[in-house]
């Protein structure tokens, strides 16, 4: 597991831009964003989390326009 976190820390931007990132469980997302060792600009991490949230809303039939 430590090796997986090392890869995520080093290649964070690539990891969050992968197709699979939008499908991870909420608990995994929380574990990722709580890390202080990620190699990514905060705005890029925000965009990835926003995309994740958008996908979750779409799956539940919720509006993604902010209303």
C-alpha atoms as a PDB file:
ATOM      1  CA  UNK A   1       0.000   0.000   0.000  1.00  0.00           C
ATOM      2  CA  UNK A   2       2.900   2.343   0.785  1.00  0.00           C
ATOM      3  CA  UNK A   3       4.218   1.872  -2.748  1.00  0.00           C
ATOM      4  CA  UNK A   4       0.836   2.857  -4.184  1.00  0.00           C
ATOM      5  CA  UNK A   5       0.808   6.064  -2.134  1.00  0.00           C
ATOM      6  CA  UNK A   6       4.363   6.831  -3.278  1.00  0.00           C
ATOM      7  CA  UNK A   7       3.263   6.604  -6.916  1.00  0.00           C
ATOM      8  CA  UNK A   8       0.206   8.762  -6.254  1.00  0.00           C
ATOM      9  CA  UNK A   9       2.363  11.326  -4.436  1.00  0.00           C
ATOM     10  CA  UNK A  10       4.897  11.503  -7.277  1.00  0.00           C
ATOM     11  CA  UNK A  11       2.461  11.292 -10.193  1.00  0.00           C
ATOM     12  CA  UNK A  12      -0.538  13.036  -8.657  1.00  0.00           C
ATOM     13  CA  UNK A  13      -1.557  15.070 -11.680  1.00  0.00           C
ATOM     14  CA  UNK A  14      -1.480  12.029 -13.939  1.00  0.00           C
ATOM     15  CA  UNK A  15      -3.430  10.008 -11.375  1.00  0.00           C
ATOM     16  CA  UNK A  16      -6.225  12.554 -10.940  1.00  0.00           C
ATOM     17  CA  UNK A  17      -6.544  13.094 -14.682  1.00  0.00           C
ATOM     18  CA  UNK A  18      -6.934   9.379 -15.377  1.00  0.00           C
ATOM     19  CA  UNK A  19     -10.336   8.079 -16.434  1.00  0.00           C
ATOM     20  CA  UNK A  20     -10.560   5.917 -13.329  1.00  0.00           C
ATOM     21  CA  UNK A  21     -10.217   8.800 -10.893  1.00  0.00           C
ATOM     22  CA  UNK A  22     -13.817   9.918 -11.440  1.00  0.00           C
ATOM     23  CA  UNK A  23     -15.029   6.497 -10.314  1.00  0.00           C
ATOM     24  CA  UNK A  24     -13.141   6.095  -7.031  1.00  0.00           C
ATOM     25  CA  UNK A  25     -15.011   5.729  -3.760  1.00  0.00           C
ATOM     26  CA  UNK A  26     -15.506   8.792  -1.591  1.00  0.00           C
ATOM     27  CA  UNK A  27     -13.313   7.336   1.155  1.00  0.00           C
ATOM     28  CA  UNK A  28     -10.417   6.990  -1.305  1.00  0.00           C
ATOM     29  CA  UNK A  29     -10.948  10.549  -2.546  1.00  0.00           C
ATOM     30  CA  UNK A  30     -10.852  11.800   1.038  1.00  0.00           C
ATOM     31  CA  UNK A  31      -7.635   9.873   1.694  1.00  0.00           C
ATOM     32  CA  UNK A  32      -6.032  11.400  -1.403  1.00  0.00           C
ATOM     33  CA  UNK A  33      -6.949  15.004  -0.678  1.00  0.00           C
ATOM     34  CA  UNK A  34      -5.866  14.740   2.958  1.00  0.00           C
ATOM     35  CA  UNK A  35      -2.285  13.963   1.925  1.00  0.00           C
ATOM     36  CA  UNK A  36       0.326  16.693   2.333  1.00  0.00           C
ATOM     37  CA  UNK A  37       2.763  15.036  -0.059  1.00  0.00           C
ATOM     38  CA  UNK A  38       0.906  15.330  -3.372  1.00  0.00           C
ATOM     39  CA  UNK A  39       2.792  16.654  -6.380  1.00  0.00           C
ATOM     40  CA  UNK A  40       0.081  18.861  -7.880  1.00  0.00           C
ATOM     41  CA  UNK A  41      -1.033  22.471  -7.840  1.00  0.00           C
ATOM     42  CA  UNK A  42      -4.021  23.034  -5.612  1.00  0.00           C
ATOM     43  CA  UNK A  43      -6.150  24.373  -8.478  1.00  0.00           C
ATOM     44  CA  UNK A  44      -5.559  21.190 -10.483  1.00  0.00           C
ATOM     45  CA  UNK A  45      -6.559  19.059  -7.499  1.00  0.00           C
ATOM     46  CA  UNK A  46      -9.677  21.209  -7.076  1.00  0.00           C
ATOM     47  CA  UNK A  47     -10.594  20.661 -10.734  1.00  0.00           C
ATOM     48  CA  UNK A  48     -10.209  16.897 -10.333  1.00  0.00           C
ATOM     49  CA  UNK A  49     -12.380  16.835  -7.201  1.00  0.00           C
ATOM     50  CA  UNK A  50     -14.964  19.005  -8.947  1.00  0.00           C
ATOM     51  CA  UNK A  51     -15.072  16.558 -11.860  1.00  0.00           C
ATOM     52  CA  UNK A  52     -15.452  13.682  -9.387  1.00  0.00           C
ATOM     53  CA  UNK A  53     -18.374  15.480  -7.715  1.00  0.00           C
ATOM     54  CA  UNK A  54     -19.988  16.249 -11.066  1.00  0.00           C
ATOM     55  CA  UNK A  55     -19.876  12.570 -12.015  1.00  0.00           C
ATOM     56  CA  UNK A  56     -21.433  11.589  -8.672  1.00  0.00           C
ATOM     57  CA  UNK A  57     -24.251  14.115  -9.194  1.00  0.00           C
ATOM     58  CA  UNK A  58     -24.894  12.859 -12.726  1.00  0.00           C
ATOM     59  CA  UNK A  59     -25.083   9.273 -11.462  1.00  0.00           C
ATOM     60  CA  UNK A  60     -27.748  10.333  -8.956  1.00  0.00           C
ATOM     61  CA  UNK A  61     -29.698  12.412 -11.465  1.00  0.00           C
ATOM     62  CA  UNK A  62     -28.843  15.661  -9.675  1.00  0.00           C
ATOM     63  CA  UNK A  63     -28.274  18.982 -11.390  1.00  0.00           C
ATOM     64  CA  UNK A  64     -24.649  20.014 -11.830  1.00  0.00           C
ATOM     65  CA  UNK A  65     -25.351  23.660 -12.614  1.00  0.00           C
ATOM     66  CA  UNK A  66     -25.107  24.800  -8.998  1.00  0.00           C
ATOM     67  CA  UNK A  67     -28.828  25.043  -8.307  1.00  0.00           C
END
